[in-house]
C-alpha atoms as a PDB file:
ATOM      1  CA  UNK A   1      -2.796   2.174   0.724  1.00  0.00           C
ATOM      2  CA  UNK A   2      -3.823   0.360  -2.895  1.00  0.00           C
ATOM      3  CA  UNK A   3      -6.301  -0.233  -6.057  1.00  0.00           C
ATOM      4  CA  UNK A   4      -5.197   1.992  -8.925  1.00  0.00           C
ATOM      5  CA  UNK A   5      -6.537   0.988 -12.756  1.00  0.00           C
ATOM      6  CA  UNK A   6      -4.664   0.565 -15.545  1.00  0.00           C
ATOM      7  CA  UNK A   7      -5.098   3.540 -18.776  1.00  0.00           C
ATOM      8  CA  UNK A   8      -2.910   4.236 -21.456  1.00  0.00           C
ATOM      9  CA  UNK A   9      -0.778   6.693 -22.222  1.00  0.00           C
ATOM     10  CA  UNK A  10       3.177   8.312 -22.335  1.00  0.00           C
ATOM     11  CA  UNK A  11       5.335   9.921 -19.997  1.00  0.00           C
ATOM     12  CA  UNK A  12       9.385  11.296 -21.026  1.00  0.00           C
ATOM     13  CA  UNK A  13      11.518   8.509 -19.141  1.00  0.00           C
ATOM     14  CA  UNK A  14      13.966  11.565 -18.119  1.00  0.00           C
ATOM     15  CA  UNK A  15      11.075  12.818 -15.373  1.00  0.00           C
ATOM     16  CA  UNK A  16      11.056   9.520 -14.091  1.00  0.00           C
ATOM     17  CA  UNK A  17      14.649   8.835 -14.321  1.00  0.00           C
ATOM     18  CA  UNK A  18      14.960  12.573 -12.068  1.00  0.00           C
ATOM     19  CA  UNK A  19      12.434  11.244  -9.627  1.00  0.00           C
ATOM     20  CA  UNK A  20      13.967   7.886  -9.311  1.00  0.00           C
ATOM     21  CA  UNK A  21      17.900   9.554  -8.374  1.00  0.00           C
ATOM     22  CA  UNK A  22      16.187  12.279  -5.936  1.00  0.00           C
ATOM     23  CA  UNK A  23      14.564   8.842  -4.192  1.00  0.00           C
ATOM     24  CA  UNK A  24      17.816   7.565  -4.187  1.00  0.00           C
ATOM     25  CA  UNK A  25      19.428  10.343  -2.429  1.00  0.00           C
ATOM     26  CA  UNK A  26      17.019  10.256   0.332  1.00  0.00           C
ATOM     27  CA  UNK A  27      17.168   6.729   0.702  1.00  0.00           C
ATOM     28  CA  UNK A  28      20.882   7.502   1.378  1.00  0.00           C
ATOM     29  CA  UNK A  29      21.514  10.525   3.203  1.00  0.00           C
ATOM     30  CA  UNK A  30      18.543   9.983   5.539  1.00  0.00           C
ATOM     31  CA  UNK A  31      18.517   8.315   9.366  1.00  0.00           C
ATOM     32  CA  UNK A  32      16.784   5.102  10.460  1.00  0.00           C
ATOM     33  CA  UNK A  33      14.878   4.489  13.162  1.00  0.00           C
ATOM     34  CA  UNK A  34      12.214   2.066  13.834  1.00  0.00           C
ATOM     35  CA  UNK A  35      11.246  -0.735  11.418  1.00  0.00           C
ATOM     36  CA  UNK A  36       7.626  -0.534   9.183  1.00  0.00           C
ATOM     37  CA  UNK A  37       5.983  -3.246   7.202  1.00  0.00           C
ATOM     38  CA  UNK A  38       4.049  -1.430   4.893  1.00  0.00           C
ATOM     39  CA  UNK A  39       1.490  -4.201   4.347  1.00  0.00           C
ATOM     40  CA  UNK A  40      -0.245  -6.729   1.768  1.00  0.00           C
ATOM     41  CA  UNK A  41       0.602  -6.411  -1.932  1.00  0.00           C
ATOM     42  CA  UNK A  42      -2.615  -5.653  -3.615  1.00  0.00           C
ATOM     43  CA  UNK A  43      -6.144  -4.980  -0.958  1.00  0.00           C
ATOM     44  CA  UNK A  44      -5.989  -2.065   1.293  1.00  0.00           C
ATOM     45  CA  UNK A  45      -5.689  -3.099   4.969  1.00  0.00           C
ATOM     46  CA  UNK A  46      -7.571  -1.666   7.926  1.00  0.00           C
ATOM     47  CA  UNK A  47      -4.021  -0.377   9.856  1.00  0.00           C
ATOM     48  CA  UNK A  48      -3.183   3.022   9.993  1.00  0.00           C
ATOM     49  CA  UNK A  49       0.023   4.582   9.108  1.00  0.00           C
ATOM     50  CA  UNK A  50       1.823   5.585  12.739  1.00  0.00           C
ATOM     51  CA  UNK A  51       1.185   9.683  13.808  1.00  0.00           C
ATOM     52  CA  UNK A  52       3.992  11.374  12.324  1.00  0.00           C
ATOM     53  CA  UNK A  53       5.549   8.891   9.772  1.00  0.00           C
ATOM     54  CA  UNK A  54       5.844   9.585   5.812  1.00  0.00           C
ATOM     55  CA  UNK A  55       6.349   6.152   3.871  1.00  0.00           C
ATOM     56  CA  UNK A  56       7.729   7.129   0.268  1.00  0.00           C
ATOM     57  CA  UNK A  57       7.278   4.464  -1.774  1.00  0.00           C
ATOM     58  CA  UNK A  58       8.744   3.107  -5.489  1.00  0.00           C
ATOM     59  CA  UNK A  59       6.095   0.661  -7.416  1.00  0.00           C
ATOM     60  CA  UNK A  60       7.099  -1.011  -9.984  1.00  0.00           C
ATOM     61  CA  UNK A  61       4.882  -3.387 -11.540  1.00  0.00           C
ATOM     62  CA  UNK A  62       3.072  -5.294 -14.552  1.00  0.00           C
ATOM     63  CA  UNK A  63       1.159  -2.516 -16.776  1.00  0.00           C
ATOM     64  CA  UNK A  64      -2.089  -4.874 -16.710  1.00  0.00           C
ATOM     65  CA  UNK A  65      -2.142  -4.597 -12.770  1.00  0.00           C
ATOM     66  CA  UNK A  66      -1.973  -0.638 -13.045  1.00  0.00           C
ATOM     67  CA  UNK A  67       0.395   2.113 -13.548  1.00  0.00           C
ATOM     68  CA  UNK A  68       3.786   0.580 -13.887  1.00  0.00           C
ATOM     69  CA  UNK A  69       5.908   3.173 -12.279  1.00  0.00           C
ATOM     70  CA  UNK A  70       4.434   4.618  -9.333  1.00  0.00           C
ATOM     71  CA  UNK A  71       5.444   6.744  -6.314  1.00  0.00           C
ATOM     72  CA  UNK A  72       3.772   7.094  -3.601  1.00  0.00           C
ATOM     73  CA  UNK A  73       3.538   9.026  -0.686  1.00  0.00           C
ATOM     74  CA  UNK A  74       1.221   7.983   2.530  1.00  0.00           C
ATOM     75  CA  UNK A  75       1.251  10.216   6.219  1.00  0.00           C
ATOM     76  CA  UNK A  76      -0.271   9.273   9.269  1.00  0.00           C
ATOM     77  CA  UNK A  77      -1.714  12.246  10.224  1.00  0.00           C
ATOM     78  CA  UNK A  78      -3.409  11.375  13.564  1.00  0.00           C
ATOM     79  CA  UNK A  79      -3.522   8.156  15.457  1.00  0.00           C
ATOM     80  CA  UNK A  80      -6.536   7.778  13.544  1.00  0.00           C
ATOM     81  CA  UNK A  81      -6.230   9.071  10.349  1.00  0.00           C
ATOM     82  CA  UNK A  82      -4.038   8.663   6.978  1.00  0.00           C
ATOM     83  CA  UNK A  83      -3.382  10.143   3.742  1.00  0.00           C
ATOM     84  CA  UNK A  84      -2.019   8.989   0.324  1.00  0.00           C
ATOM     85  CA  UNK A  85      -0.931  10.411  -2.890  1.00  0.00           C
ATOM     86  CA  UNK A  86       0.135   8.455  -5.745  1.00  0.00           C
ATOM     87  CA  UNK A  87       2.064   9.452  -8.785  1.00  0.00           C
ATOM     88  CA  UNK A  88       1.653   7.938 -12.196  1.00  0.00           C
ATOM     89  CA  UNK A  89       3.874   8.172 -14.964  1.00  0.00           C
ATOM     90  CA  UNK A  90       2.471   6.170 -17.892  1.00  0.00           C
ATOM     91  CA  UNK A  91      -0.024   7.053 -17.931  1.00  0.00           C
ATOM     92  CA  UNK A  92       0.600  10.883 -16.073  1.00  0.00           C
ATOM     93  CA  UNK A  93      -1.866  10.466 -13.106  1.00  0.00           C
ATOM     94  CA  UNK A  94      -2.631  11.735  -9.797  1.00  0.00           C
ATOM     95  CA  UNK A  95      -4.110   9.822  -7.384  1.00  0.00           C
ATOM     96  CA  UNK A  96      -5.556  10.265  -3.863  1.00  0.00           C
ATOM     97  CA  UNK A  97      -6.689   7.819  -0.895  1.00  0.00           C
ATOM     98  CA  UNK A  98      -7.720   8.170   2.474  1.00  0.00           C
ATOM     99  CA  UNK A  99      -7.983   5.720   5.538  1.00  0.00           C
ATOM    100  CA  UNK A 100     -10.125   6.596   8.862  1.00  0.00           C
ATOM    101  CA  UNK A 101      -9.560   3.963  12.059  1.00  0.00           C
ATOM    102  CA  UNK A 102     -12.940   2.977  13.719  1.00  0.00           C
ATOM    103  CA  UNK A 103     -11.609   0.433  16.221  1.00  0.00           C
ATOM    104  CA  UNK A 104      -6.847   1.283  16.142  1.00  0.00           C
ATOM    105  CA  UNK A 105      -6.796  -1.260  19.459  1.00  0.00           C
ATOM    106  CA  UNK A 106      -5.411  -4.333  18.236  1.00  0.00           C
ATOM    107  CA  UNK A 107      -6.463  -7.291  17.829  1.00  0.00           C
ATOM    108  CA  UNK A 108      -9.728  -6.172  16.317  1.00  0.00           C
ATOM    109  CA  UNK A 109      -9.489  -3.354  13.711  1.00  0.00           C
ATOM    110  CA  UNK A 110     -12.093  -1.478  11.419  1.00  0.00           C
ATOM    111  CA  UNK A 111     -11.012   1.480   9.633  1.00  0.00           C
ATOM    112  CA  UNK A 112     -13.330   2.712   6.222  1.00  0.00           C
ATOM    113  CA  UNK A 113     -11.653   4.909   3.140  1.00  0.00           C
ATOM    114  CA  UNK A 114     -11.897   5.565   0.135  1.00  0.00           C
ATOM    115  CA  UNK A 115      -9.560   4.694  -2.859  1.00  0.00           C
ATOM    116  CA  UNK A 116      -8.659   5.540  -6.123  1.00  0.00           C
ATOM    117  CA  UNK A 117      -9.862   9.238  -6.939  1.00  0.00           C
ATOM    118  CA  UNK A 118      -8.319  10.603  -9.286  1.00  0.00           C
ATOM    119  CA  UNK A 119      -9.709  14.167  -9.751  1.00  0.00           C
ATOM    120  CA  UNK A 120      -6.942  14.471 -12.916  1.00  0.00           C
ATOM    121  CA  UNK A 121      -8.602  11.806 -15.074  1.00  0.00           C
ATOM    122  CA  UNK A 122     -12.002  12.324 -13.837  1.00  0.00           C
ATOM    123  CA  UNK A 123     -12.173   9.256 -12.072  1.00  0.00           C
ATOM    124  CA  UNK A 124     -14.491   8.910  -9.086  1.00  0.00           C
ATOM    125  CA  UNK A 125     -13.143   7.477  -5.692  1.00  0.00           C
ATOM    126  CA  UNK A 126     -13.569   3.852  -4.469  1.00  0.00           C
ATOM    127  CA  UNK A 127     -15.053   3.268  -0.768  1.00  0.00           C
ATOM    128  CA  UNK A 128     -14.404   0.609   1.224  1.00  0.00           C
ATOM    129  CA  UNK A 129     -14.527  -0.806   4.739  1.00  0.00           C
ATOM    130  CA  UNK A 130     -12.173  -3.251   6.509  1.00  0.00           C
ATOM    131  CA  UNK A 131     -11.851  -5.237   9.401  1.00  0.00           C
ATOM    132  CA  UNK A 132      -8.771  -6.928  10.589  1.00  0.00           C
ATOM    133  CA  UNK A 133      -7.730  -9.687  13.099  1.00  0.00           C
ATOM    134  CA  UNK A 134      -4.173  -8.762  14.081  1.00  0.00           C
ATOM    135  CA  UNK A 135      -1.822 -11.156  16.446  1.00  0.00           C
ATOM    136  CA  UNK A 136       1.712 -11.064  16.838  1.00  0.00           C
ATOM    137  CA  UNK A 137       2.473 -13.785  13.909  1.00  0.00           C
ATOM    138  CA  UNK A 138      -0.779 -13.664  12.071  1.00  0.00           C
ATOM    139  CA  UNK A 139      -3.230 -11.040  10.497  1.00  0.00           C
ATOM    140  CA  UNK A 140      -6.423 -11.759   8.816  1.00  0.00           C
ATOM    141  CA  UNK A 141      -8.275  -8.943   6.810  1.00  0.00           C
ATOM    142  CA  UNK A 142     -11.569  -9.218   5.647  1.00  0.00           C
ATOM    143  CA  UNK A 143     -13.795  -5.980   3.658  1.00  0.00           C
ATOM    144  CA  UNK A 144     -14.963  -4.881   0.985  1.00  0.00           C
ATOM    145  CA  UNK A 145     -15.430  -2.065  -1.746  1.00  0.00           C
ATOM    146  CA  UNK A 146     -17.175  -0.257  -4.541  1.00  0.00           C
ATOM    147  CA  UNK A 147     -15.559  -0.034  -7.627  1.00  0.00           C
ATOM    148  CA  UNK A 148     -17.835   1.365 -10.294  1.00  0.00           C
ATOM    149  CA  UNK A 149     -20.885  -0.437 -10.289  1.00  0.00           C
ATOM    150  CA  UNK A 150     -20.408  -3.265  -8.208  1.00  0.00           C
ATOM    151  CA  UNK A 151     -19.356  -4.141  -4.629  1.00  0.00           C
ATOM    152  CA  UNK A 152     -15.659  -6.428  -5.011  1.00  0.00           C
ATOM    153  CA  UNK A 153     -14.898  -8.954  -1.694  1.00  0.00           C
ATOM    154  CA  UNK A 154     -11.033  -8.509   0.075  1.00  0.00           C
ATOM    155  CA  UNK A 155      -9.236 -10.708   1.611  1.00  0.00           C
ATOM    156  CA  UNK A 156      -5.770 -11.378   2.990  1.00  0.00           C
ATOM    157  CA  UNK A 157      -3.702 -13.150   5.363  1.00  0.00           C
ATOM    158  CA  UNK A 158      -0.288 -12.153   6.610  1.00  0.00           C
ATOM    159  CA  UNK A 159       2.256 -14.475   8.700  1.00  0.00           C
ATOM    160  CA  UNK A 160       5.458 -12.332  10.781  1.00  0.00           C
ATOM    161  CA  UNK A 161       8.186 -14.996  11.310  1.00  0.00           C
ATOM    162  CA  UNK A 162      10.011 -12.095  13.024  1.00  0.00           C
ATOM    163  CA  UNK A 163      10.547  -7.742  12.627  1.00  0.00           C
ATOM    164  CA  UNK A 164      12.177  -8.902   9.274  1.00  0.00           C
ATOM    165  CA  UNK A 165      10.496 -11.633   7.481  1.00  0.00           C
ATOM    166  CA  UNK A 166       6.936 -12.051   6.231  1.00  0.00           C
ATOM    167  CA  UNK A 167       4.683 -13.765   4.408  1.00  0.00           C
ATOM    168  CA  UNK A 168       1.616 -12.666   2.779  1.00  0.00           C
ATOM    169  CA  UNK A 169      -1.521 -13.544   0.432  1.00  0.00           C
ATOM    170  CA  UNK A 170      -4.934 -11.864  -0.612  1.00  0.00           C
ATOM    171  CA  UNK A 171      -7.279 -11.679  -2.963  1.00  0.00           C
ATOM    172  CA  UNK A 172      -9.872  -9.401  -4.568  1.00  0.00           C
ATOM    173  CA  UNK A 173     -12.921 -10.349  -6.152  1.00  0.00           C
ATOM    174  CA  UNK A 174     -13.407  -9.100 -10.071  1.00  0.00           C
ATOM    175  CA  UNK A 175     -12.429 -10.747 -13.424  1.00  0.00           C
ATOM    176  CA  UNK A 176      -9.933  -7.466 -13.661  1.00  0.00           C
ATOM    177  CA  UNK A 177      -8.127  -8.131 -10.332  1.00  0.00           C
ATOM    178  CA  UNK A 178      -5.952 -11.110  -8.532  1.00  0.00           C
ATOM    179  CA  UNK A 179      -5.436 -13.155  -6.312  1.00  0.00           C
ATOM    180  CA  UNK A 180      -1.468 -12.787  -5.102  1.00  0.00           C
ATOM    181  CA  UNK A 181       1.190 -14.434  -2.883  1.00  0.00           C
ATOM    182  CA  UNK A 182       4.022 -12.485  -1.973  1.00  0.00           C
ATOM    183  CA  UNK A 183       6.833 -11.492   1.064  1.00  0.00           C
ATOM    184  CA  UNK A 184       8.122  -8.179   2.698  1.00  0.00           C
ATOM    185  CA  UNK A 185      11.442  -8.009   3.925  1.00  0.00           C
ATOM    186  CA  UNK A 186      12.780  -5.128   6.580  1.00  0.00           C
ATOM    187  CA  UNK A 187      16.273  -4.630   4.626  1.00  0.00           C
ATOM    188  CA  UNK A 188      16.908  -2.025   7.799  1.00  0.00           C
ATOM    189  CA  UNK A 189      14.950  -0.895  10.008  1.00  0.00           C
ATOM    190  CA  UNK A 190      13.258   1.848   7.692  1.00  0.00           C
ATOM    191  CA  UNK A 191      13.413   0.321   4.555  1.00  0.00           C
ATOM    192  CA  UNK A 192      11.901  -2.831   2.865  1.00  0.00           C
ATOM    193  CA  UNK A 193      11.288  -3.526  -0.510  1.00  0.00           C
ATOM    194  CA  UNK A 194       7.816  -6.529  -1.698  1.00  0.00           C
ATOM    195  CA  UNK A 195       8.162  -8.425  -4.482  1.00  0.00           C
ATOM    196  CA  UNK A 196       4.948 -10.472  -5.213  1.00  0.00           C
ATOM    197  CA  UNK A 197       3.535 -12.324  -7.760  1.00  0.00           C
ATOM    198  CA  UNK A 198      -0.055 -11.548  -9.519  1.00  0.00           C
ATOM    199  CA  UNK A 199      -2.471 -14.549 -10.439  1.00  0.00           C
ATOM    200  CA  UNK A 200      -5.373 -12.811 -12.170  1.00  0.00           C
ATOM    201  CA  UNK A 201      -9.246 -13.699 -11.446  1.00  0.00           C
ATOM    202  CA  UNK A 202      -9.443 -13.407 -15.488  1.00  0.00           C
ATOM    203  CA  UNK A 203     -10.609 -17.040 -17.082  1.00  0.00           C
ATOM    204  CA  UNK A 204      -6.465 -17.259 -18.283  1.00  0.00           C
ATOM    205  CA  UNK A 205      -5.313 -16.751 -15.110  1.00  0.00           C
ATOM    206  CA  UNK A 206      -2.692 -14.661 -16.335  1.00  0.00           C
ATOM    207  CA  UNK A 207       0.836 -14.514 -14.327  1.00  0.00           C
ATOM    208  CA  UNK A 208       1.887 -10.368 -12.940  1.00  0.00           C
ATOM    209  CA  UNK A 209       5.264  -9.100 -11.666  1.00  0.00           C
ATOM    210  CA  UNK A 210       5.087  -6.763  -8.851  1.00  0.00           C
ATOM    211  CA  UNK A 211       7.882  -5.077  -6.683  1.00  0.00           C
ATOM    212  CA  UNK A 212       7.341  -1.806  -4.105  1.00  0.00           C
ATOM    213  CA  UNK A 213      10.586  -0.279  -2.162  1.00  0.00           C
ATOM    214  CA  UNK A 214       9.679   1.647   0.896  1.00  0.00           C
ATOM    215  CA  UNK A 215      11.532   4.028   2.949  1.00  0.00           C
ATOM    216  CA  UNK A 216       9.816   5.942   6.603  1.00  0.00           C
ATOM    217  CA  UNK A 217      10.609   8.806   7.762  1.00  0.00           C
ATOM    218  CA  UNK A 218       9.568   9.853  11.183  1.00  0.00           C
ATOM    219  CA  UNK A 219       8.722  13.476  11.312  1.00  0.00           C
ATOM    220  CA  UNK A 220       6.664  13.599  14.401  1.00  0.00           C
ATOM    221  CA  UNK A 221       5.600  11.284  17.008  1.00  0.00           C
ATOM    222  CA  UNK A 222       2.297  11.744  19.123  1.00  0.00           C
ATOM    223  CA  UNK A 223       2.593  11.524  22.675  1.00  0.00           C
ATOM    224  CA  UNK A 224       1.909   7.873  23.097  1.00  0.00           C
ATOM    225  CA  UNK A 225       4.433   6.993  20.550  1.00  0.00           C
ATOM    226  CA  UNK A 226       7.390   8.615  22.320  1.00  0.00           C
ATOM    227  CA  UNK A 227      10.232   6.262  22.909  1.00  0.00           C
ATOM    228  CA  UNK A 228       7.905   3.582  21.427  1.00  0.00           C
ATOM    229  CA  UNK A 229       8.590   1.099  18.704  1.00  0.00           C
ATOM    230  CA  UNK A 230       6.940   2.254  15.496  1.00  0.00           C
ATOM    231  CA  UNK A 231       5.764  -0.726  13.667  1.00  0.00           C
ATOM    232  CA  UNK A 232       2.861  -1.224  11.085  1.00  0.00           C
ATOM    233  CA  UNK A 233       2.179  -4.244  10.851  1.00  0.00           C
ATOM    234  CA  UNK A 234       0.414  -4.343   7.836  1.00  0.00           C
ATOM    235  CA  UNK A 235      -0.243  -1.312   5.324  1.00  0.00           C
ATOM    236  CA  UNK A 236      -2.192  -0.338   2.144  1.00  0.00           C
ATOM    237  CA  UNK A 237      -0.430  -1.109  -1.328  1.00  0.00           C
ATOM    238  CA  UNK A 238      -1.349  -0.038  -4.889  1.00  0.00           C
ATOM    239  CA  UNK A 239      -2.617  -3.017  -7.356  1.00  0.00           C
ATOM    240  CA  UNK A 240      -5.304  -4.259  -9.155  1.00  0.00           C
ATOM    241  CA  UNK A 241      -7.038  -2.007  -7.328  1.00  0.00           C
END
């Protein structure tokens, strides 16, 4: 999931370093299962995290996109509901998002939810609605999000070459947001990384860097998922959001 706003503050580096060490140990000691593709770089996407799947992500990005260092935990509660929590370090913040699937059977997807709710900083949630058309290789996403006092358009496209490689582009309207281009690589069946280049929608069209590393744990499986390949085609990853 995604859409985080830039804020200013400082945080002791020792706490962030400790979290990185913990995540590294988890990645090295956990058994792998099936691949997931966490998704596009900036926008919310209409497919859901697999039921019982917990994804932990480390996100590093230009501070003009959002909090430069973030951790994310995303959990599929049921086959039609998921929740995500972001932990930012510069500044210190907690951000919550959720997604409900109204249509969950490909190729047609429809979901609603909210992102960017930060009770810690008194930031209101931003509701959204998104539709998707997903085939084996092509993923097309359109939608809208209400951010503050205005509505913004969401567009995205991804092409899956195979279970390892994907290229992706997305766009969110608004001068404070961006267009992005990037790719996703599944290094193992559960570990992946997604670098991207952001092109600001502002008058100068500044370029920003972004990368996220994700590992997925399979805590439990729904009845329909037992013995099946658990592949999430496109997910939600925080960005300019």
